[in-house]
N, C-alpha and C. Protein backbone atom coordinates (compact mmCIF):
# COMPACT_ATOMS: atom_id res chain seq x y z
N MET A 1 17.29 -17.67 9.24
CA MET A 1 17.15 -16.80 8.09
C MET A 1 15.87 -17.16 7.33
N VAL A 2 15.09 -16.15 6.96
CA VAL A 2 13.84 -16.37 6.25
C VAL A 2 14.12 -16.40 4.75
N GLU A 3 13.74 -17.49 4.10
CA GLU A 3 13.84 -17.53 2.65
C GLU A 3 12.61 -16.85 2.08
N MET A 4 12.77 -16.26 0.91
CA MET A 4 11.67 -15.52 0.31
C MET A 4 11.19 -16.24 -0.95
N HIS A 5 10.44 -17.33 -0.74
CA HIS A 5 9.96 -18.14 -1.85
C HIS A 5 8.90 -17.41 -2.68
N GLY A 6 8.09 -16.59 -2.04
CA GLY A 6 6.99 -15.94 -2.74
C GLY A 6 7.31 -14.56 -3.27
N ILE A 7 8.60 -14.18 -3.28
CA ILE A 7 9.00 -12.83 -3.69
C ILE A 7 10.10 -12.91 -4.73
N GLU A 8 9.92 -12.16 -5.80
CA GLU A 8 10.92 -12.14 -6.87
C GLU A 8 11.17 -10.70 -7.29
N LYS A 9 12.42 -10.28 -7.27
CA LYS A 9 12.77 -8.95 -7.77
C LYS A 9 12.64 -8.97 -9.29
N ILE A 10 11.94 -7.98 -9.84
CA ILE A 10 11.66 -7.98 -11.28
C ILE A 10 12.05 -6.64 -11.89
N GLU A 11 12.25 -6.66 -13.18
CA GLU A 11 12.51 -5.44 -13.94
C GLU A 11 11.17 -4.78 -14.28
N ALA A 12 11.23 -3.49 -14.55
CA ALA A 12 10.04 -2.78 -14.98
C ALA A 12 9.55 -3.38 -16.30
N SER A 13 8.25 -3.48 -16.46
CA SER A 13 7.67 -4.04 -17.68
C SER A 13 6.43 -3.23 -18.05
N ASP A 14 5.97 -3.40 -19.27
CA ASP A 14 4.74 -2.74 -19.68
C ASP A 14 3.57 -3.18 -18.82
N GLU A 15 3.57 -4.45 -18.39
CA GLU A 15 2.48 -4.97 -17.56
C GLU A 15 2.39 -4.25 -16.22
N ILE A 16 3.52 -4.05 -15.54
CA ILE A 16 3.42 -3.38 -14.24
C ILE A 16 3.21 -1.88 -14.41
N ARG A 17 3.72 -1.30 -15.47
CA ARG A 17 3.44 0.11 -15.74
C ARG A 17 1.94 0.32 -15.96
N GLN A 18 1.32 -0.57 -16.71
CA GLN A 18 -0.12 -0.47 -16.97
C GLN A 18 -0.91 -0.69 -15.67
N ALA A 19 -0.50 -1.66 -14.87
CA ALA A 19 -1.18 -1.90 -13.59
C ALA A 19 -1.09 -0.66 -12.71
N TRP A 20 0.08 -0.04 -12.69
CA TRP A 20 0.29 1.20 -11.93
C TRP A 20 -0.70 2.28 -12.38
N LYS A 21 -0.79 2.48 -13.68
CA LYS A 21 -1.64 3.55 -14.23
C LYS A 21 -3.12 3.31 -13.98
N GLU A 22 -3.51 2.05 -13.77
CA GLU A 22 -4.92 1.73 -13.49
C GLU A 22 -5.38 2.34 -12.17
N ILE A 23 -4.46 2.44 -11.21
CA ILE A 23 -4.85 2.84 -9.86
C ILE A 23 -4.29 4.18 -9.42
N PHE A 24 -3.06 4.50 -9.84
CA PHE A 24 -2.40 5.69 -9.33
C PHE A 24 -2.33 6.82 -10.36
N ALA A 25 -2.44 8.06 -9.85
CA ALA A 25 -2.24 9.26 -10.66
C ALA A 25 -0.96 9.98 -10.24
N GLY A 26 -0.36 9.57 -9.13
CA GLY A 26 0.85 10.20 -8.62
C GLY A 26 1.55 9.29 -7.64
N ILE A 27 2.62 9.81 -7.03
CA ILE A 27 3.42 8.97 -6.14
C ILE A 27 3.49 9.49 -4.70
N ASP A 28 2.80 10.55 -4.40
CA ASP A 28 2.90 11.17 -3.08
C ASP A 28 1.93 10.53 -2.08
N PRO A 29 2.44 9.87 -1.04
CA PRO A 29 1.56 9.24 -0.05
C PRO A 29 0.92 10.24 0.91
N CYS A 30 1.20 11.52 0.72
CA CYS A 30 0.63 12.55 1.59
C CYS A 30 -0.47 13.35 0.90
N GLU A 31 -0.91 12.88 -0.26
CA GLU A 31 -2.03 13.52 -0.95
C GLU A 31 -2.82 12.46 -1.70
N ASP A 32 -3.96 12.84 -2.23
CA ASP A 32 -4.80 11.90 -2.97
C ASP A 32 -4.14 11.63 -4.32
N SER A 33 -3.38 10.55 -4.39
CA SER A 33 -2.60 10.21 -5.58
C SER A 33 -3.24 9.10 -6.41
N PHE A 34 -4.56 8.95 -6.29
CA PHE A 34 -5.26 7.89 -7.00
C PHE A 34 -5.97 8.43 -8.24
N GLN A 35 -6.20 7.53 -9.18
CA GLN A 35 -6.99 7.87 -10.35
C GLN A 35 -8.41 8.23 -9.91
N LEU A 36 -9.08 9.05 -10.70
CA LEU A 36 -10.45 9.45 -10.36
C LEU A 36 -11.41 8.27 -10.36
N THR A 37 -11.06 7.19 -11.05
CA THR A 37 -11.92 6.02 -11.12
C THR A 37 -11.85 5.13 -9.87
N VAL A 38 -10.92 5.42 -8.97
CA VAL A 38 -10.82 4.64 -7.74
C VAL A 38 -12.05 4.91 -6.89
N GLU A 39 -12.75 3.85 -6.52
CA GLU A 39 -14.06 3.98 -5.88
C GLU A 39 -14.01 4.36 -4.40
N LYS A 40 -13.06 3.80 -3.65
CA LYS A 40 -12.99 4.07 -2.22
C LYS A 40 -11.53 4.17 -1.79
N LYS A 41 -11.33 4.87 -0.66
CA LYS A 41 -9.98 5.06 -0.11
C LYS A 41 -10.04 4.92 1.40
N MET A 42 -8.92 4.51 1.96
CA MET A 42 -8.83 4.41 3.42
C MET A 42 -7.40 4.72 3.85
N LEU A 43 -7.24 4.92 5.13
CA LEU A 43 -5.96 5.27 5.73
C LEU A 43 -5.53 4.17 6.69
N LEU A 44 -4.24 3.85 6.66
CA LEU A 44 -3.66 2.91 7.64
C LEU A 44 -2.61 3.66 8.45
N TYR A 45 -2.70 3.52 9.79
CA TYR A 45 -1.75 4.20 10.67
C TYR A 45 -1.80 3.54 12.05
N PRO A 46 -0.70 3.28 12.66
CA PRO A 46 0.67 3.46 12.18
C PRO A 46 1.19 2.22 11.46
N LEU A 47 2.17 2.43 10.63
CA LEU A 47 2.92 1.34 10.03
C LEU A 47 4.20 1.16 10.83
N VAL A 48 5.03 0.24 10.40
CA VAL A 48 6.30 0.01 11.09
C VAL A 48 7.42 0.13 10.05
N ALA A 49 8.07 1.29 10.03
CA ALA A 49 9.25 1.50 9.19
C ALA A 49 9.04 1.03 7.74
N PHE A 50 8.09 1.61 7.06
CA PHE A 50 7.81 1.33 5.64
C PHE A 50 7.10 0.00 5.39
N TYR A 51 6.64 -0.68 6.43
CA TYR A 51 5.96 -1.96 6.27
C TYR A 51 4.60 -1.91 6.97
N LEU A 52 3.62 -2.63 6.42
CA LEU A 52 2.35 -2.80 7.11
C LEU A 52 2.64 -3.50 8.43
N ASN A 53 1.86 -3.18 9.47
CA ASN A 53 2.14 -3.75 10.79
C ASN A 53 1.57 -5.16 10.92
N ASP A 54 1.75 -5.75 12.10
CA ASP A 54 1.39 -7.15 12.34
C ASP A 54 -0.11 -7.43 12.26
N ASP A 55 -0.94 -6.42 12.34
CA ASP A 55 -2.38 -6.59 12.15
C ASP A 55 -2.78 -6.28 10.72
N GLN A 56 -2.17 -5.27 10.13
CA GLN A 56 -2.54 -4.84 8.78
C GLN A 56 -2.16 -5.86 7.71
N TYR A 57 -0.94 -6.39 7.78
CA TYR A 57 -0.49 -7.29 6.72
C TYR A 57 -1.33 -8.58 6.63
N PRO A 58 -1.59 -9.28 7.74
CA PRO A 58 -2.45 -10.47 7.63
C PRO A 58 -3.85 -10.13 7.10
N ALA A 59 -4.38 -8.99 7.49
CA ALA A 59 -5.69 -8.57 6.97
C ALA A 59 -5.62 -8.33 5.47
N PHE A 60 -4.54 -7.72 5.02
CA PHE A 60 -4.32 -7.48 3.58
C PHE A 60 -4.27 -8.81 2.83
N ILE A 61 -3.49 -9.76 3.32
CA ILE A 61 -3.38 -11.06 2.65
C ILE A 61 -4.72 -11.80 2.66
N SER A 62 -5.45 -11.74 3.77
CA SER A 62 -6.78 -12.36 3.83
C SER A 62 -7.72 -11.74 2.81
N THR A 63 -7.62 -10.44 2.65
CA THR A 63 -8.45 -9.73 1.65
C THR A 63 -8.11 -10.23 0.25
N LEU A 64 -6.83 -10.31 -0.07
CA LEU A 64 -6.42 -10.78 -1.39
C LEU A 64 -6.93 -12.19 -1.65
N LYS A 65 -6.77 -13.07 -0.68
CA LYS A 65 -7.23 -14.45 -0.85
C LYS A 65 -8.73 -14.51 -1.07
N GLU A 66 -9.48 -13.73 -0.27
CA GLU A 66 -10.94 -13.75 -0.42
C GLU A 66 -11.38 -13.25 -1.79
N LEU A 67 -10.63 -12.31 -2.35
CA LEU A 67 -11.00 -11.73 -3.64
C LEU A 67 -10.33 -12.42 -4.83
N GLY A 68 -9.58 -13.48 -4.56
CA GLY A 68 -8.98 -14.25 -5.65
C GLY A 68 -7.73 -13.64 -6.26
N GLU A 69 -7.09 -12.73 -5.54
CA GLU A 69 -5.83 -12.15 -6.02
C GLU A 69 -4.70 -13.07 -5.55
N SER A 70 -3.81 -13.42 -6.45
CA SER A 70 -2.75 -14.36 -6.08
C SER A 70 -1.38 -13.70 -6.00
N ALA A 71 -1.29 -12.41 -6.31
CA ALA A 71 0.00 -11.73 -6.29
C ALA A 71 -0.22 -10.22 -6.24
N PHE A 72 0.85 -9.51 -5.89
CA PHE A 72 0.85 -8.05 -5.95
C PHE A 72 2.26 -7.59 -6.25
N ILE A 73 2.38 -6.32 -6.61
CA ILE A 73 3.67 -5.71 -6.92
C ILE A 73 4.03 -4.73 -5.82
N ILE A 74 5.30 -4.66 -5.47
CA ILE A 74 5.82 -3.59 -4.64
C ILE A 74 6.85 -2.84 -5.48
N SER A 75 6.71 -1.52 -5.55
CA SER A 75 7.67 -0.67 -6.28
C SER A 75 8.14 0.45 -5.37
N GLU A 76 9.43 0.72 -5.41
CA GLU A 76 9.96 1.90 -4.72
C GLU A 76 9.63 3.11 -5.59
N VAL A 77 8.93 4.09 -5.01
CA VAL A 77 8.44 5.21 -5.82
C VAL A 77 9.05 6.55 -5.45
N GLU A 78 9.91 6.57 -4.47
CA GLU A 78 10.45 7.85 -4.01
C GLU A 78 11.43 8.48 -5.00
N TRP A 79 11.72 7.81 -6.07
CA TRP A 79 12.68 8.27 -7.07
C TRP A 79 12.11 9.32 -8.01
N GLY A 80 10.84 9.60 -7.94
CA GLY A 80 10.23 10.56 -8.86
C GLY A 80 9.67 9.86 -10.08
N ASP A 81 9.53 10.61 -11.17
CA ASP A 81 8.85 10.10 -12.36
C ASP A 81 9.51 8.87 -12.98
N ASP A 82 10.81 8.70 -12.81
CA ASP A 82 11.48 7.54 -13.41
C ASP A 82 11.69 6.41 -12.40
N PHE A 83 10.78 6.29 -11.44
CA PHE A 83 10.97 5.31 -10.37
C PHE A 83 11.01 3.88 -10.89
N PHE A 84 10.34 3.58 -12.01
CA PHE A 84 10.38 2.21 -12.52
C PHE A 84 11.80 1.81 -12.91
N GLU A 85 12.56 2.74 -13.43
CA GLU A 85 13.92 2.44 -13.84
C GLU A 85 14.92 2.55 -12.69
N ARG A 86 14.72 3.54 -11.83
CA ARG A 86 15.70 3.79 -10.76
C ARG A 86 15.44 2.98 -9.50
N GLY A 87 14.20 2.69 -9.23
CA GLY A 87 13.86 1.95 -8.01
C GLY A 87 13.72 0.46 -8.28
N ALA A 88 13.53 -0.29 -7.22
CA ALA A 88 13.36 -1.73 -7.32
C ALA A 88 11.87 -2.08 -7.38
N ASN A 89 11.58 -3.21 -7.98
CA ASN A 89 10.22 -3.73 -8.10
C ASN A 89 10.24 -5.21 -7.72
N TRP A 90 9.21 -5.63 -6.98
CA TRP A 90 9.12 -7.03 -6.58
C TRP A 90 7.74 -7.57 -6.92
N LEU A 91 7.72 -8.79 -7.45
CA LEU A 91 6.48 -9.54 -7.62
C LEU A 91 6.33 -10.41 -6.38
N CYS A 92 5.21 -10.24 -5.69
CA CYS A 92 4.98 -10.94 -4.43
C CYS A 92 3.78 -11.87 -4.57
N LYS A 93 4.01 -13.15 -4.39
CA LYS A 93 2.96 -14.15 -4.49
C LYS A 93 2.50 -14.54 -3.09
N LEU A 94 1.79 -13.61 -2.46
CA LEU A 94 1.22 -13.76 -1.13
C LEU A 94 2.25 -14.29 -0.12
N PRO A 95 3.35 -13.56 0.03
CA PRO A 95 4.38 -14.00 0.97
C PRO A 95 3.90 -13.93 2.41
N THR A 96 4.55 -14.71 3.25
CA THR A 96 4.26 -14.66 4.68
C THR A 96 4.69 -13.28 5.21
N ASP A 97 4.25 -12.98 6.42
CA ASP A 97 4.64 -11.73 7.05
C ASP A 97 6.16 -11.65 7.20
N ALA A 98 6.78 -12.75 7.60
CA ALA A 98 8.23 -12.76 7.78
C ALA A 98 8.95 -12.51 6.45
N GLU A 99 8.44 -13.10 5.37
CA GLU A 99 9.04 -12.88 4.04
C GLU A 99 8.84 -11.43 3.61
N TYR A 100 7.63 -10.92 3.79
CA TYR A 100 7.33 -9.53 3.41
C TYR A 100 8.26 -8.55 4.11
N CYS A 101 8.51 -8.77 5.38
CA CYS A 101 9.36 -7.85 6.15
C CYS A 101 10.84 -7.95 5.79
N LYS A 102 11.20 -8.91 4.98
CA LYS A 102 12.59 -9.05 4.54
C LYS A 102 12.85 -8.36 3.20
N ILE A 103 11.82 -7.82 2.57
CA ILE A 103 12.03 -7.10 1.32
C ILE A 103 12.86 -5.86 1.65
N PRO A 104 14.02 -5.73 1.04
CA PRO A 104 14.95 -4.67 1.44
C PRO A 104 14.63 -3.31 0.80
N HIS A 105 13.78 -2.55 1.44
CA HIS A 105 13.50 -1.20 0.95
C HIS A 105 13.42 -0.24 2.12
N ASN A 106 13.78 1.00 1.87
CA ASN A 106 13.66 2.03 2.89
C ASN A 106 13.27 3.36 2.26
N LEU A 107 12.43 3.26 1.26
CA LEU A 107 11.90 4.42 0.55
C LEU A 107 10.38 4.33 0.53
N HIS A 108 9.73 5.42 0.11
CA HIS A 108 8.29 5.34 -0.13
C HIS A 108 8.07 4.22 -1.14
N THR A 109 7.07 3.40 -0.87
CA THR A 109 6.77 2.30 -1.77
C THR A 109 5.30 2.30 -2.13
N ALA A 110 5.00 1.61 -3.20
CA ALA A 110 3.63 1.36 -3.61
C ALA A 110 3.42 -0.15 -3.61
N ILE A 111 2.28 -0.58 -3.13
CA ILE A 111 1.85 -1.96 -3.23
C ILE A 111 0.58 -1.92 -4.06
N TYR A 112 0.54 -2.72 -5.14
CA TYR A 112 -0.61 -2.63 -6.02
C TYR A 112 -0.89 -3.92 -6.77
N SER A 113 -2.09 -4.00 -7.25
CA SER A 113 -2.60 -5.18 -7.93
C SER A 113 -2.23 -5.16 -9.40
N LEU A 114 -1.92 -6.32 -9.93
CA LEU A 114 -1.72 -6.46 -11.37
C LEU A 114 -3.04 -6.32 -12.12
N LYS A 115 -4.16 -6.49 -11.40
CA LYS A 115 -5.48 -6.40 -12.00
C LYS A 115 -6.08 -5.00 -11.90
N GLY A 116 -5.38 -4.08 -11.22
CA GLY A 116 -5.87 -2.71 -11.08
C GLY A 116 -6.97 -2.55 -10.05
N THR A 117 -7.11 -3.51 -9.14
CA THR A 117 -8.21 -3.44 -8.17
C THR A 117 -7.87 -2.71 -6.89
N PHE A 118 -6.58 -2.53 -6.58
CA PHE A 118 -6.19 -1.81 -5.38
C PHE A 118 -4.78 -1.29 -5.53
N GLY A 119 -4.46 -0.33 -4.66
CA GLY A 119 -3.10 0.16 -4.55
C GLY A 119 -2.95 0.88 -3.22
N MET A 120 -1.74 0.89 -2.71
CA MET A 120 -1.46 1.67 -1.50
C MET A 120 -0.10 2.31 -1.64
N LEU A 121 0.00 3.52 -1.12
CA LEU A 121 1.26 4.24 -1.08
C LEU A 121 1.68 4.33 0.37
N ILE A 122 2.91 3.89 0.64
CA ILE A 122 3.44 3.82 2.00
C ILE A 122 4.45 4.93 2.20
N SER A 123 4.29 5.67 3.28
CA SER A 123 5.08 6.86 3.57
C SER A 123 6.10 6.61 4.68
N ASP A 124 7.14 7.45 4.68
CA ASP A 124 8.09 7.40 5.80
C ASP A 124 7.50 8.03 7.06
N ALA A 125 6.31 8.60 6.95
CA ALA A 125 5.61 9.14 8.12
C ALA A 125 4.73 8.07 8.79
N ASP A 126 5.01 6.81 8.47
CA ASP A 126 4.34 5.66 9.09
C ASP A 126 2.84 5.59 8.82
N HIS A 127 2.44 6.02 7.63
CA HIS A 127 1.05 5.84 7.23
C HIS A 127 1.01 5.32 5.80
N ALA A 128 -0.15 4.81 5.43
CA ALA A 128 -0.39 4.39 4.04
C ALA A 128 -1.76 4.88 3.64
N ILE A 129 -1.85 5.30 2.37
CA ILE A 129 -3.16 5.58 1.80
C ILE A 129 -3.48 4.40 0.89
N VAL A 130 -4.71 3.93 0.98
CA VAL A 130 -5.13 2.74 0.24
C VAL A 130 -6.33 3.13 -0.61
N GLY A 131 -6.31 2.72 -1.87
CA GLY A 131 -7.44 2.97 -2.75
C GLY A 131 -7.76 1.72 -3.53
N GLY A 132 -9.01 1.61 -3.94
CA GLY A 132 -9.36 0.44 -4.74
C GLY A 132 -10.84 0.39 -5.04
N THR A 133 -11.24 -0.75 -5.54
CA THR A 133 -12.66 -0.97 -5.80
C THR A 133 -13.39 -0.97 -4.46
N ALA A 134 -14.69 -0.73 -4.52
CA ALA A 134 -15.49 -0.78 -3.30
C ALA A 134 -15.39 -2.16 -2.66
N ASP A 135 -15.38 -3.20 -3.49
CA ASP A 135 -15.28 -4.57 -2.98
C ASP A 135 -13.97 -4.78 -2.23
N PHE A 136 -12.86 -4.28 -2.78
CA PHE A 136 -11.57 -4.44 -2.12
C PHE A 136 -11.56 -3.72 -0.77
N ILE A 137 -11.94 -2.43 -0.76
CA ILE A 137 -11.89 -1.65 0.48
C ILE A 137 -12.85 -2.22 1.52
N ASP A 138 -14.04 -2.58 1.12
CA ASP A 138 -15.01 -3.15 2.08
C ASP A 138 -14.50 -4.46 2.66
N THR A 139 -13.89 -5.29 1.83
CA THR A 139 -13.36 -6.57 2.30
C THR A 139 -12.16 -6.35 3.22
N PHE A 140 -11.30 -5.41 2.87
CA PHE A 140 -10.15 -5.10 3.71
C PHE A 140 -10.62 -4.60 5.08
N LYS A 141 -11.61 -3.73 5.09
CA LYS A 141 -12.14 -3.23 6.37
C LYS A 141 -12.73 -4.36 7.21
N LYS A 142 -13.34 -5.32 6.56
CA LYS A 142 -13.88 -6.48 7.28
C LYS A 142 -12.75 -7.27 7.96
N HIS A 143 -11.65 -7.46 7.25
CA HIS A 143 -10.53 -8.22 7.80
C HIS A 143 -9.65 -7.37 8.74
N TYR A 144 -9.75 -6.06 8.62
CA TYR A 144 -8.95 -5.17 9.46
C TYR A 144 -9.88 -4.19 10.18
N PRO A 145 -10.58 -4.65 11.22
CA PRO A 145 -11.54 -3.80 11.91
C PRO A 145 -10.91 -2.63 12.66
N LYS A 146 -9.58 -2.62 12.80
CA LYS A 146 -8.92 -1.51 13.49
C LYS A 146 -8.78 -0.27 12.61
N TRP A 147 -9.29 -0.29 11.39
CA TRP A 147 -9.12 0.86 10.49
C TRP A 147 -9.73 2.13 11.09
N GLU A 148 -10.82 2.00 11.81
CA GLU A 148 -11.42 3.20 12.42
C GLU A 148 -10.54 3.74 13.54
N GLU A 149 -9.92 2.85 14.29
CA GLU A 149 -9.00 3.26 15.34
C GLU A 149 -7.77 3.95 14.74
N ASP A 150 -7.31 3.48 13.57
CA ASP A 150 -6.17 4.12 12.89
C ASP A 150 -6.47 5.59 12.62
N ARG A 151 -7.70 5.89 12.21
CA ARG A 151 -8.10 7.27 11.91
C ARG A 151 -8.04 8.14 13.17
N LYS A 152 -8.42 7.58 14.29
CA LYS A 152 -8.36 8.33 15.55
C LYS A 152 -6.92 8.47 16.04
N GLU A 153 -6.15 7.41 15.87
CA GLU A 153 -4.76 7.39 16.36
C GLU A 153 -3.91 8.45 15.67
N ILE A 154 -4.11 8.66 14.39
CA ILE A 154 -3.28 9.65 13.67
C ILE A 154 -3.52 11.06 14.23
N LEU A 155 -4.71 11.32 14.72
CA LEU A 155 -5.02 12.63 15.31
C LEU A 155 -4.45 12.75 16.73
N ARG A 156 -4.36 11.62 17.44
CA ARG A 156 -3.83 11.64 18.81
C ARG A 156 -2.31 11.73 18.85
N ASP A 157 -1.65 11.33 17.77
CA ASP A 157 -0.18 11.28 17.75
C ASP A 157 0.38 12.70 17.71
N GLU A 158 1.00 13.12 18.80
CA GLU A 158 1.53 14.48 18.90
C GLU A 158 2.69 14.73 17.94
N ASP A 159 3.34 13.67 17.49
CA ASP A 159 4.47 13.82 16.58
C ASP A 159 4.04 13.89 15.11
N PHE A 160 2.80 13.51 14.81
CA PHE A 160 2.32 13.55 13.43
C PHE A 160 1.76 14.95 13.15
N PRO A 161 2.17 15.57 12.05
CA PRO A 161 1.68 16.93 11.75
C PRO A 161 0.16 16.99 11.65
N ASP A 162 -0.44 17.83 12.46
CA ASP A 162 -1.90 17.93 12.55
C ASP A 162 -2.54 18.28 11.21
N LYS A 163 -1.95 19.22 10.50
CA LYS A 163 -2.51 19.63 9.19
C LYS A 163 -2.52 18.45 8.22
N LEU A 164 -1.42 17.71 8.16
CA LEU A 164 -1.35 16.56 7.26
C LEU A 164 -2.36 15.50 7.68
N ALA A 165 -2.50 15.24 8.97
CA ALA A 165 -3.47 14.25 9.44
C ALA A 165 -4.87 14.62 8.96
N HIS A 166 -5.24 15.88 9.08
CA HIS A 166 -6.57 16.31 8.64
C HIS A 166 -6.72 16.20 7.13
N GLU A 167 -5.68 16.52 6.39
CA GLU A 167 -5.74 16.40 4.93
C GLU A 167 -5.91 14.94 4.51
N LEU A 168 -5.19 14.03 5.16
CA LEU A 168 -5.31 12.61 4.85
C LEU A 168 -6.72 12.10 5.18
N LEU A 169 -7.22 12.50 6.32
CA LEU A 169 -8.56 12.05 6.72
C LEU A 169 -9.64 12.60 5.80
N ALA A 170 -9.39 13.75 5.21
CA ALA A 170 -10.40 14.40 4.35
C ALA A 170 -10.67 13.60 3.08
N PHE A 171 -9.66 12.94 2.52
CA PHE A 171 -9.91 12.23 1.26
C PHE A 171 -9.97 10.70 1.42
N THR A 172 -9.81 10.21 2.64
CA THR A 172 -9.98 8.78 2.89
C THR A 172 -11.23 8.60 3.74
N GLU A 173 -11.72 7.38 3.79
CA GLU A 173 -12.96 7.12 4.55
C GLU A 173 -12.66 6.83 6.00
């Protein structure tokens, strides 16, 4: 059994609400749901059942470490406008991949910085949209060189709706 030392379930607070508002304008992972101030965006595909995959998650953690981020928030957002009250929220202090995969959620989720430097919305369609500062996105791409292949893979997947794939690619890099 994996213990989750770096993960704590938390109540909604003004701090996480403010962090959310710094990066996100909406909750839909199938459209551009970022604030206009978000400098760059990218697409991750495929994910594994609401979780970043075995290549994406280590790259994400490496990016956070390189940029001096020591924690992030995960919030269930599929509940609509009152998701902070109805859904669960976790404070994650750079958990291992095994710990991360034990977080019990099966809804659309958001992963975001307390500093407002990045955010990602994870979909049940096995993709994530990621937005953040240019420094965050550029560093993430450095640690996750498969990001370009992800963009091609979403178009090759016969089960992924073609129109949605093109819409996602249009607003991400």
